[in-house]
């Protein structure tokens, strides 16, 4: 179970980094720095999942063992998954506006965070079943937001109707989240 969750999180992390970096051209030095940061965060989050919970430290350890445990504790201590999300969003912000691309990245980042959480907690996927209506509503809002962003910028009855639908859907999702 743990190996599957770690592999899923690692694969989703790599997909998120790759997707956020496409296309990389014209972003300058900040794009390269964010790409390296995102890749490092994805790798370190996967290593953190492989390390698992910290173990007991012995009193009489050699220098190599103490150094290894110190490095493992350093990797365990940071929130690498959240760092990947921030770096991927910065990479996405460096590109021109592409609503569908950004929407797919948002869905992939959400799946990545769930995979990391399930890997860290060692919980089965079924633990998310009670949250299914709220997750489905959130993904529905993501689809509506992508659709609204793909509409032309001209104001008119169609654009106004989409804004009203998105606002109503947001109220429904908030009501679901508060009631559940």
N, C-alpha and C. Protein backbone atom coordinates (compact mmCIF):
# COMPACT_ATOMS: atom_id res chain seq x y z
N UNK A 1 0.83 -1.21 0.00
CA UNK A 1 0.00 0.00 0.00
C UNK A 1 0.86 1.25 0.00
N UNK A 2 1.88 1.27 0.87
CA UNK A 2 2.73 2.44 0.99
C UNK A 2 3.51 2.67 -0.30
N UNK A 3 3.99 1.61 -0.93
CA UNK A 3 4.75 1.74 -2.17
C UNK A 3 3.87 2.29 -3.29
N UNK A 4 2.62 1.83 -3.36
CA UNK A 4 1.71 2.33 -4.38
C UNK A 4 1.42 3.82 -4.19
N UNK A 5 1.18 4.23 -2.94
CA UNK A 5 0.90 5.64 -2.67
C UNK A 5 2.11 6.51 -2.98
N UNK A 6 3.29 6.03 -2.63
CA UNK A 6 4.51 6.78 -2.92
C UNK A 6 4.74 6.89 -4.43
N UNK A 7 4.53 5.78 -5.14
CA UNK A 7 4.71 5.80 -6.59
C UNK A 7 3.68 6.73 -7.25
N UNK A 8 2.44 6.68 -6.78
CA UNK A 8 1.39 7.56 -7.35
C UNK A 8 1.73 9.02 -7.10
N UNK A 9 2.15 9.35 -5.89
CA UNK A 9 2.50 10.74 -5.58
C UNK A 9 3.70 11.19 -6.39
N UNK A 10 4.70 10.34 -6.51
CA UNK A 10 5.88 10.70 -7.30
C UNK A 10 5.55 10.92 -8.77
N UNK A 11 4.71 10.05 -9.32
CA UNK A 11 4.31 10.20 -10.72
C UNK A 11 3.47 11.45 -10.92
N UNK A 12 2.51 11.70 -10.03
CA UNK A 12 1.71 12.91 -10.14
C UNK A 12 2.56 14.17 -9.98
N UNK A 13 3.55 14.13 -9.09
CA UNK A 13 4.45 15.27 -8.92
C UNK A 13 5.22 15.56 -10.20
N UNK A 14 5.74 14.50 -10.84
CA UNK A 14 6.48 14.67 -12.09
C UNK A 14 5.57 15.21 -13.19
N UNK A 15 4.33 14.72 -13.25
CA UNK A 15 3.38 15.21 -14.25
C UNK A 15 3.07 16.69 -14.02
N UNK A 16 2.87 17.07 -12.76
CA UNK A 16 2.55 18.47 -12.44
C UNK A 16 3.71 19.40 -12.82
N UNK A 17 4.93 18.99 -12.50
CA UNK A 17 6.09 19.82 -12.84
C UNK A 17 6.21 19.96 -14.35
N UNK A 18 6.08 18.85 -15.05
CA UNK A 18 6.20 18.88 -16.51
C UNK A 18 5.10 19.73 -17.14
N UNK A 19 3.87 19.53 -16.68
CA UNK A 19 2.73 20.26 -17.24
C UNK A 19 2.85 21.76 -16.98
N UNK A 20 3.31 22.14 -15.78
CA UNK A 20 3.44 23.56 -15.46
C UNK A 20 4.56 24.22 -16.26
N UNK A 21 5.55 23.44 -16.66
CA UNK A 21 6.70 24.01 -17.37
C UNK A 21 6.45 24.13 -18.88
N UNK A 22 5.39 23.54 -19.41
CA UNK A 22 5.14 23.57 -20.85
C UNK A 22 4.39 24.85 -21.20
N UNK A 23 4.73 25.64 -22.16
CA UNK A 23 6.04 25.75 -22.80
C UNK A 23 6.97 26.61 -21.96
N UNK A 24 8.21 26.26 -21.91
CA UNK A 24 9.17 26.92 -21.04
C UNK A 24 9.77 28.17 -21.67
N UNK A 25 9.70 28.32 -22.97
CA UNK A 25 10.36 29.42 -23.66
C UNK A 25 9.91 30.80 -23.22
N UNK A 26 10.86 31.73 -23.12
CA UNK A 26 10.57 33.12 -22.87
C UNK A 26 10.26 33.49 -21.43
N UNK A 27 10.49 32.59 -20.48
CA UNK A 27 10.19 32.92 -19.09
C UNK A 27 11.38 33.52 -18.36
N UNK A 28 12.55 33.45 -18.96
CA UNK A 28 13.73 34.05 -18.33
C UNK A 28 14.27 33.22 -17.18
N UNK A 29 15.09 33.86 -16.36
CA UNK A 29 15.76 33.18 -15.26
C UNK A 29 14.83 32.70 -14.18
N UNK A 30 13.75 33.44 -13.92
CA UNK A 30 12.82 33.03 -12.87
C UNK A 30 12.13 31.73 -13.23
N UNK A 31 11.87 31.51 -14.51
CA UNK A 31 11.26 30.26 -14.96
C UNK A 31 12.16 29.07 -14.69
N UNK A 32 13.45 29.23 -14.94
CA UNK A 32 14.42 28.16 -14.68
C UNK A 32 14.53 27.88 -13.19
N UNK A 33 14.57 28.93 -12.39
CA UNK A 33 14.66 28.76 -10.93
C UNK A 33 13.42 28.06 -10.41
N UNK A 34 12.24 28.44 -10.89
CA UNK A 34 11.00 27.81 -10.43
C UNK A 34 10.90 26.36 -10.89
N UNK A 35 11.40 26.08 -12.10
CA UNK A 35 11.39 24.70 -12.59
C UNK A 35 12.28 23.82 -11.72
N UNK A 36 13.47 24.31 -11.39
CA UNK A 36 14.37 23.55 -10.52
C UNK A 36 13.76 23.38 -9.13
N UNK A 37 13.15 24.44 -8.62
CA UNK A 37 12.51 24.37 -7.29
C UNK A 37 11.36 23.37 -7.29
N UNK A 38 10.54 23.39 -8.34
CA UNK A 38 9.41 22.46 -8.42
C UNK A 38 9.89 21.03 -8.52
N UNK A 39 10.91 20.79 -9.34
CA UNK A 39 11.44 19.42 -9.47
C UNK A 39 12.07 18.95 -8.15
N UNK A 40 12.78 19.83 -7.48
CA UNK A 40 13.38 19.46 -6.20
C UNK A 40 12.31 19.17 -5.15
N UNK A 41 11.27 19.99 -5.12
CA UNK A 41 10.17 19.75 -4.15
C UNK A 41 9.47 18.44 -4.44
N UNK A 42 9.26 18.12 -5.71
CA UNK A 42 8.62 16.85 -6.06
C UNK A 42 9.48 15.67 -5.62
N UNK A 43 10.79 15.76 -5.87
CA UNK A 43 11.69 14.68 -5.48
C UNK A 43 11.76 14.54 -3.96
N UNK A 44 11.87 15.66 -3.26
CA UNK A 44 11.98 15.61 -1.80
C UNK A 44 10.67 15.16 -1.14
N UNK A 45 9.52 15.50 -1.73
CA UNK A 45 8.25 15.02 -1.20
C UNK A 45 8.15 13.51 -1.36
N UNK A 46 8.63 12.99 -2.48
CA UNK A 46 8.62 11.54 -2.70
C UNK A 46 9.58 10.85 -1.73
N UNK A 47 10.73 11.43 -1.51
CA UNK A 47 11.69 10.87 -0.55
C UNK A 47 11.10 10.89 0.85
N UNK A 48 10.40 11.97 1.17
CA UNK A 48 9.75 12.07 2.49
C UNK A 48 8.74 10.95 2.68
N UNK A 49 7.97 10.64 1.63
CA UNK A 49 7.02 9.54 1.72
C UNK A 49 7.73 8.20 1.89
N UNK A 50 8.85 8.02 1.23
CA UNK A 50 9.60 6.77 1.35
C UNK A 50 10.22 6.62 2.74
N UNK A 51 10.64 7.72 3.35
CA UNK A 51 11.27 7.66 4.68
C UNK A 51 10.27 7.27 5.76
N UNK A 52 9.04 7.71 5.63
CA UNK A 52 8.04 7.39 6.64
C UNK A 52 8.24 8.20 7.90
N UNK A 53 7.64 7.73 8.97
CA UNK A 53 7.70 8.42 10.26
C UNK A 53 9.10 8.31 10.86
N UNK A 54 9.49 9.31 11.65
CA UNK A 54 10.82 9.26 12.27
C UNK A 54 10.90 8.13 13.28
N UNK A 55 12.07 7.52 13.36
CA UNK A 55 12.31 6.43 14.30
C UNK A 55 12.95 6.95 15.58
N UNK A 56 13.23 6.03 16.47
CA UNK A 56 13.90 6.37 17.73
C UNK A 56 15.37 6.62 17.46
N UNK A 57 15.91 7.63 18.10
CA UNK A 57 17.33 7.92 17.98
C UNK A 57 18.07 7.26 19.13
N UNK A 58 19.11 6.56 18.82
CA UNK A 58 19.93 5.95 19.86
C UNK A 58 20.89 6.96 20.46
N UNK A 59 21.38 6.66 21.63
CA UNK A 59 22.31 7.58 22.30
C UNK A 59 23.72 7.45 21.77
N UNK A 60 24.12 6.26 21.35
CA UNK A 60 25.50 6.03 20.95
C UNK A 60 25.57 5.65 19.48
N UNK A 61 25.31 6.63 18.63
CA UNK A 61 25.37 6.41 17.20
C UNK A 61 26.66 6.97 16.65
N UNK A 62 27.13 6.36 15.57
CA UNK A 62 28.31 6.87 14.91
C UNK A 62 28.00 8.15 14.15
N UNK A 63 29.05 8.80 13.68
CA UNK A 63 28.89 10.06 12.97
C UNK A 63 28.06 9.89 11.70
N UNK A 64 28.29 8.82 10.96
CA UNK A 64 27.55 8.60 9.72
C UNK A 64 26.07 8.37 10.01
N UNK A 65 25.75 7.61 11.05
CA UNK A 65 24.35 7.35 11.38
C UNK A 65 23.66 8.61 11.88
N UNK A 66 24.36 9.40 12.69
CA UNK A 66 23.77 10.65 13.17
C UNK A 66 23.52 11.62 12.02
N UNK A 67 24.48 11.69 11.09
CA UNK A 67 24.33 12.56 9.94
C UNK A 67 23.17 12.10 9.06
N UNK A 68 23.06 10.80 8.84
CA UNK A 68 21.96 10.26 8.04
C UNK A 68 20.61 10.54 8.68
N UNK A 69 20.51 10.36 9.98
CA UNK A 69 19.25 10.64 10.67
C UNK A 69 18.92 12.12 10.68
N UNK A 70 19.95 12.96 10.79
CA UNK A 70 19.74 14.40 10.75
C UNK A 70 19.22 14.81 9.38
N UNK A 71 19.80 14.26 8.31
CA UNK A 71 19.33 14.58 6.96
C UNK A 71 17.91 14.07 6.73
N UNK A 72 17.61 12.87 7.24
CA UNK A 72 16.26 12.34 7.10
C UNK A 72 15.26 13.22 7.85
N UNK A 73 15.63 13.67 9.05
CA UNK A 73 14.74 14.56 9.80
C UNK A 73 14.57 15.90 9.09
N UNK A 74 15.61 16.36 8.43
CA UNK A 74 15.52 17.61 7.66
C UNK A 74 14.53 17.47 6.50
N UNK A 75 14.59 16.33 5.81
CA UNK A 75 13.65 16.09 4.70
C UNK A 75 12.23 15.95 5.24
N UNK A 76 12.07 15.27 6.38
CA UNK A 76 10.74 15.08 6.96
C UNK A 76 10.15 16.38 7.49
N UNK A 77 10.98 17.33 7.84
CA UNK A 77 10.52 18.53 8.53
C UNK A 77 9.86 19.57 7.65
N UNK A 78 10.08 19.55 6.36
CA UNK A 78 9.53 20.59 5.49
C UNK A 78 8.32 20.09 4.72
N UNK A 79 7.49 21.00 4.29
CA UNK A 79 6.29 20.68 3.50
C UNK A 79 6.63 20.79 2.02
N UNK A 80 7.24 19.78 1.49
CA UNK A 80 7.72 19.81 0.11
C UNK A 80 6.56 19.80 -0.89
N UNK A 81 5.48 19.12 -0.57
CA UNK A 81 4.33 19.07 -1.49
C UNK A 81 3.74 20.47 -1.70
N UNK A 82 3.62 21.23 -0.63
CA UNK A 82 3.09 22.59 -0.75
C UNK A 82 4.06 23.47 -1.53
N UNK A 83 5.36 23.24 -1.36
CA UNK A 83 6.36 23.96 -2.14
C UNK A 83 6.22 23.69 -3.63
N UNK A 84 5.93 22.43 -3.97
CA UNK A 84 5.71 22.08 -5.38
C UNK A 84 4.50 22.81 -5.93
N UNK A 85 3.43 22.89 -5.15
CA UNK A 85 2.23 23.59 -5.61
C UNK A 85 2.54 25.05 -5.89
N UNK A 86 3.24 25.70 -4.98
CA UNK A 86 3.57 27.12 -5.16
C UNK A 86 4.46 27.31 -6.39
N UNK A 87 5.49 26.48 -6.52
CA UNK A 87 6.40 26.61 -7.67
C UNK A 87 5.67 26.34 -8.99
N UNK A 88 4.79 25.35 -9.01
CA UNK A 88 4.04 25.06 -10.24
C UNK A 88 3.10 26.20 -10.60
N UNK A 89 2.48 26.80 -9.60
CA UNK A 89 1.58 27.93 -9.88
C UNK A 89 2.36 29.15 -10.38
N UNK A 90 3.55 29.37 -9.85
CA UNK A 90 4.38 30.46 -10.35
C UNK A 90 4.79 30.19 -11.79
N UNK A 91 5.18 28.94 -12.08
CA UNK A 91 5.52 28.58 -13.47
C UNK A 91 4.33 28.81 -14.40
N UNK A 92 3.14 28.44 -13.94
CA UNK A 92 1.95 28.63 -14.77
C UNK A 92 1.66 30.12 -14.97
N UNK A 93 1.90 30.92 -13.95
CA UNK A 93 1.64 32.36 -14.06
C UNK A 93 2.61 33.04 -15.03
N UNK A 94 3.75 32.44 -15.28
CA UNK A 94 4.73 33.03 -16.20
C UNK A 94 4.33 32.87 -17.66
N UNK A 95 3.39 31.97 -17.96
CA UNK A 95 2.95 31.75 -19.33
C UNK A 95 1.79 32.67 -19.67
N UNK A 96 1.48 32.74 -20.95
CA UNK A 96 0.29 33.49 -21.36
C UNK A 96 -0.94 32.73 -20.88
N UNK A 97 -2.04 33.40 -20.84
CA UNK A 97 -3.28 32.82 -20.31
C UNK A 97 -3.75 31.66 -21.18
N UNK A 98 -3.89 30.48 -20.57
CA UNK A 98 -4.41 29.29 -21.25
C UNK A 98 -5.35 28.61 -20.27
N UNK A 99 -6.61 28.92 -20.29
CA UNK A 99 -7.54 28.44 -19.27
C UNK A 99 -7.59 26.92 -19.13
N UNK A 100 -7.65 26.20 -20.25
CA UNK A 100 -7.75 24.75 -20.18
C UNK A 100 -6.49 24.15 -19.55
N UNK A 101 -5.34 24.65 -19.96
CA UNK A 101 -4.06 24.19 -19.41
C UNK A 101 -4.00 24.43 -17.90
N UNK A 102 -4.43 25.62 -17.48
CA UNK A 102 -4.41 25.96 -16.06
C UNK A 102 -5.41 25.12 -15.28
N UNK A 103 -6.58 24.87 -15.85
CA UNK A 103 -7.57 24.03 -15.19
C UNK A 103 -7.09 22.61 -15.00
N UNK A 104 -6.45 22.05 -16.03
CA UNK A 104 -5.89 20.69 -15.90
C UNK A 104 -4.78 20.65 -14.87
N UNK A 105 -3.96 21.70 -14.82
CA UNK A 105 -2.91 21.76 -13.80
C UNK A 105 -3.53 21.82 -12.41
N UNK A 106 -4.59 22.60 -12.23
CA UNK A 106 -5.26 22.67 -10.94
C UNK A 106 -5.79 21.32 -10.50
N UNK A 107 -6.41 20.58 -11.42
CA UNK A 107 -6.92 19.24 -11.09
C UNK A 107 -5.77 18.29 -10.75
N UNK A 108 -4.67 18.37 -11.50
CA UNK A 108 -3.52 17.50 -11.23
C UNK A 108 -2.87 17.84 -9.89
N UNK A 109 -2.77 19.12 -9.57
CA UNK A 109 -2.19 19.50 -8.28
C UNK A 109 -3.07 19.04 -7.12
N UNK A 110 -4.38 19.11 -7.29
CA UNK A 110 -5.29 18.62 -6.27
C UNK A 110 -5.12 17.11 -6.08
N UNK A 111 -5.04 16.37 -7.18
CA UNK A 111 -4.82 14.92 -7.09
C UNK A 111 -3.47 14.62 -6.43
N UNK A 112 -2.46 15.42 -6.74
CA UNK A 112 -1.14 15.24 -6.13
C UNK A 112 -1.20 15.44 -4.62
N UNK A 113 -1.86 16.50 -4.18
CA UNK A 113 -1.96 16.75 -2.74
C UNK A 113 -2.72 15.64 -2.03
N UNK A 114 -3.77 15.12 -2.66
CA UNK A 114 -4.49 13.99 -2.07
C UNK A 114 -3.59 12.75 -2.00
N UNK A 115 -2.83 12.49 -3.05
CA UNK A 115 -1.94 11.32 -3.06
C UNK A 115 -0.87 11.44 -1.96
N UNK A 116 -0.31 12.62 -1.80
CA UNK A 116 0.70 12.82 -0.75
C UNK A 116 0.06 12.66 0.63
N UNK A 117 -1.12 13.23 0.82
CA UNK A 117 -1.80 13.11 2.12
C UNK A 117 -2.12 11.65 2.44
N UNK A 118 -2.64 10.93 1.46
CA UNK A 118 -2.95 9.52 1.69
C UNK A 118 -1.68 8.70 1.93
N UNK A 119 -0.60 9.07 1.26
CA UNK A 119 0.67 8.37 1.49
C UNK A 119 1.23 8.64 2.87
N UNK A 120 1.14 9.88 3.33
CA UNK A 120 1.66 10.23 4.66
C UNK A 120 0.82 9.61 5.77
N UNK A 121 -0.48 9.59 5.59
CA UNK A 121 -1.37 9.09 6.65
C UNK A 121 -1.58 7.58 6.56
N UNK A 122 -1.14 6.98 5.46
CA UNK A 122 -1.34 5.56 5.21
C UNK A 122 -2.82 5.18 5.21
N UNK A 123 -3.66 6.12 4.88
CA UNK A 123 -5.10 5.88 4.85
C UNK A 123 -5.50 5.35 3.47
N UNK A 124 -6.51 4.51 3.42
CA UNK A 124 -7.00 4.04 2.11
C UNK A 124 -7.76 5.15 1.39
N UNK A 125 -7.90 4.98 0.11
CA UNK A 125 -8.62 5.97 -0.70
C UNK A 125 -10.07 6.11 -0.25
N UNK A 126 -10.61 5.07 0.32
CA UNK A 126 -12.01 5.09 0.76
C UNK A 126 -12.27 6.14 1.84
N UNK A 127 -11.22 6.63 2.50
CA UNK A 127 -11.40 7.64 3.54
C UNK A 127 -11.94 8.95 2.95
N UNK A 128 -11.79 9.14 1.67
CA UNK A 128 -12.28 10.35 1.01
C UNK A 128 -13.73 10.22 0.54
N UNK A 129 -14.31 9.04 0.67
CA UNK A 129 -15.68 8.82 0.19
C UNK A 129 -16.69 9.80 0.77
N UNK A 130 -16.66 10.11 2.07
CA UNK A 130 -17.64 11.07 2.60
C UNK A 130 -17.50 12.47 1.99
N UNK A 131 -16.33 12.78 1.47
CA UNK A 131 -16.11 14.09 0.88
C UNK A 131 -16.41 14.13 -0.62
N UNK A 132 -16.86 13.04 -1.19
CA UNK A 132 -17.09 12.95 -2.64
C UNK A 132 -18.02 14.04 -3.18
N UNK A 133 -19.14 14.36 -2.52
CA UNK A 133 -19.98 15.43 -3.08
C UNK A 133 -19.28 16.79 -3.13
N UNK A 134 -18.54 17.11 -2.12
CA UNK A 134 -17.84 18.40 -2.10
C UNK A 134 -16.72 18.40 -3.15
N UNK A 135 -16.00 17.28 -3.28
CA UNK A 135 -14.95 17.20 -4.29
C UNK A 135 -15.53 17.30 -5.70
N UNK A 136 -16.65 16.63 -5.92
CA UNK A 136 -17.30 16.71 -7.24
C UNK A 136 -17.77 18.14 -7.52
N UNK A 137 -18.32 18.79 -6.51
CA UNK A 137 -18.76 20.18 -6.70
C UNK A 137 -17.57 21.09 -6.97
N UNK A 138 -16.48 20.87 -6.29
CA UNK A 138 -15.27 21.67 -6.53
C UNK A 138 -14.73 21.48 -7.93
N UNK A 139 -14.73 20.23 -8.40
CA UNK A 139 -14.29 19.99 -9.78
C UNK A 139 -15.27 20.59 -10.78
N UNK A 140 -16.55 20.57 -10.44
CA UNK A 140 -17.53 21.23 -11.30
C UNK A 140 -17.28 22.73 -11.39
N UNK A 141 -16.94 23.33 -10.25
CA UNK A 141 -16.60 24.76 -10.27
C UNK A 141 -15.35 25.02 -11.10
N UNK A 142 -14.39 24.11 -11.03
CA UNK A 142 -13.19 24.25 -11.84
C UNK A 142 -13.54 24.23 -13.33
N UNK A 143 -14.42 23.31 -13.71
CA UNK A 143 -14.86 23.24 -15.11
C UNK A 143 -15.60 24.52 -15.52
N UNK A 144 -16.47 25.02 -14.64
CA UNK A 144 -17.18 26.28 -14.94
C UNK A 144 -16.21 27.45 -15.06
N UNK A 145 -15.22 27.50 -14.19
CA UNK A 145 -14.25 28.60 -14.24
C UNK A 145 -13.44 28.54 -15.53
N UNK A 146 -13.02 27.34 -15.93
CA UNK A 146 -12.28 27.20 -17.18
C UNK A 146 -13.16 27.60 -18.36
N UNK A 147 -14.40 27.17 -18.34
CA UNK A 147 -15.32 27.56 -19.42
C UNK A 147 -15.55 29.05 -19.47
N UNK A 148 -15.70 29.68 -18.31
CA UNK A 148 -15.90 31.13 -18.28
C UNK A 148 -14.65 31.86 -18.76
N UNK A 149 -13.49 31.35 -18.43
CA UNK A 149 -12.25 32.00 -18.86
C UNK A 149 -12.01 31.85 -20.36
N UNK A 150 -12.60 30.82 -20.95
CA UNK A 150 -12.41 30.61 -22.39
C UNK A 150 -13.36 31.46 -23.24
N UNK A 151 -14.38 32.07 -22.60
CA UNK A 151 -15.30 32.92 -23.34
C UNK A 151 -14.59 34.21 -23.77
N UNK A 152 -15.03 34.78 -24.86
CA UNK A 152 -14.44 36.07 -25.26
C UNK A 152 -14.70 37.12 -24.19
N UNK A 153 -13.86 38.12 -24.16
CA UNK A 153 -13.94 39.15 -23.13
C UNK A 153 -15.11 40.11 -23.33
N UNK A 154 -15.79 40.02 -24.45
CA UNK A 154 -16.90 40.94 -24.73
C UNK A 154 -18.02 40.72 -23.73
N UNK A 155 -18.61 41.81 -23.32
CA UNK A 155 -19.75 41.70 -22.42
C UNK A 155 -21.00 41.46 -23.25
N UNK A 156 -21.89 40.72 -22.69
CA UNK A 156 -23.13 40.42 -23.39
C UNK A 156 -23.96 39.49 -22.55
N UNK A 157 -25.07 39.07 -23.10
CA UNK A 157 -25.97 38.24 -22.31
C UNK A 157 -25.37 36.88 -22.00
N UNK A 158 -24.62 36.28 -22.91
CA UNK A 158 -24.02 34.97 -22.66
C UNK A 158 -22.98 35.05 -21.56
N UNK A 159 -22.12 36.07 -21.62
CA UNK A 159 -21.10 36.23 -20.59
C UNK A 159 -21.73 36.51 -19.23
N UNK A 160 -22.77 37.32 -19.21
CA UNK A 160 -23.46 37.62 -17.95
C UNK A 160 -24.13 36.38 -17.38
N UNK A 161 -24.71 35.55 -18.25
CA UNK A 161 -25.35 34.32 -17.80
C UNK A 161 -24.33 33.37 -17.18
N UNK A 162 -23.15 33.27 -17.77
CA UNK A 162 -22.10 32.40 -17.23
C UNK A 162 -21.67 32.90 -15.86
N UNK A 163 -21.53 34.20 -15.70
CA UNK A 163 -21.14 34.76 -14.40
C UNK A 163 -22.17 34.43 -13.34
N UNK A 164 -23.45 34.53 -13.69
CA UNK A 164 -24.51 34.22 -12.74
C UNK A 164 -24.48 32.73 -12.39
N UNK A 165 -24.29 31.87 -13.37
CA UNK A 165 -24.24 30.42 -13.11
C UNK A 165 -23.07 30.08 -12.21
N UNK A 166 -21.91 30.66 -12.48
CA UNK A 166 -20.74 30.41 -11.64
C UNK A 166 -20.98 30.91 -10.22
N UNK A 167 -21.59 32.07 -10.06
CA UNK A 167 -21.86 32.60 -8.73
C UNK A 167 -22.84 31.69 -7.97
N UNK A 168 -23.88 31.23 -8.65
CA UNK A 168 -24.83 30.32 -8.00
C UNK A 168 -24.17 29.00 -7.63
N UNK A 169 -23.35 28.47 -8.51
CA UNK A 169 -22.65 27.21 -8.23
C UNK A 169 -21.71 27.38 -7.04
N UNK A 170 -21.08 28.52 -6.93
CA UNK A 170 -20.19 28.77 -5.80
C UNK A 170 -20.97 28.78 -4.49
N UNK A 171 -22.14 29.39 -4.49
CA UNK A 171 -22.98 29.41 -3.29
C UNK A 171 -23.40 27.99 -2.91
N UNK A 172 -23.77 27.18 -3.90
CA UNK A 172 -24.16 25.79 -3.62
C UNK A 172 -22.99 25.00 -3.04
N UNK A 173 -21.81 25.15 -3.61
CA UNK A 173 -20.64 24.43 -3.12
C UNK A 173 -20.29 24.86 -1.70
N UNK A 174 -20.35 26.13 -1.43
CA UNK A 174 -20.08 26.62 -0.07
C UNK A 174 -21.11 26.06 0.91
N UNK A 175 -22.36 26.00 0.51
CA UNK A 175 -23.39 25.41 1.35
C UNK A 175 -23.13 23.94 1.62
N UNK A 176 -22.70 23.20 0.59
CA UNK A 176 -22.36 21.80 0.78
C UNK A 176 -21.18 21.63 1.72
N UNK A 177 -20.19 22.47 1.56
CA UNK A 177 -19.01 22.37 2.42
C UNK A 177 -19.34 22.68 3.87
N UNK A 178 -20.19 23.65 4.10
CA UNK A 178 -20.55 24.01 5.47
C UNK A 178 -21.49 23.01 6.12
N UNK A 179 -22.34 22.38 5.32
CA UNK A 179 -23.30 21.43 5.90
C UNK A 179 -22.67 20.06 6.16
N UNK A 180 -21.60 19.73 5.43
CA UNK A 180 -21.02 18.39 5.57
C UNK A 180 -19.88 18.41 6.46
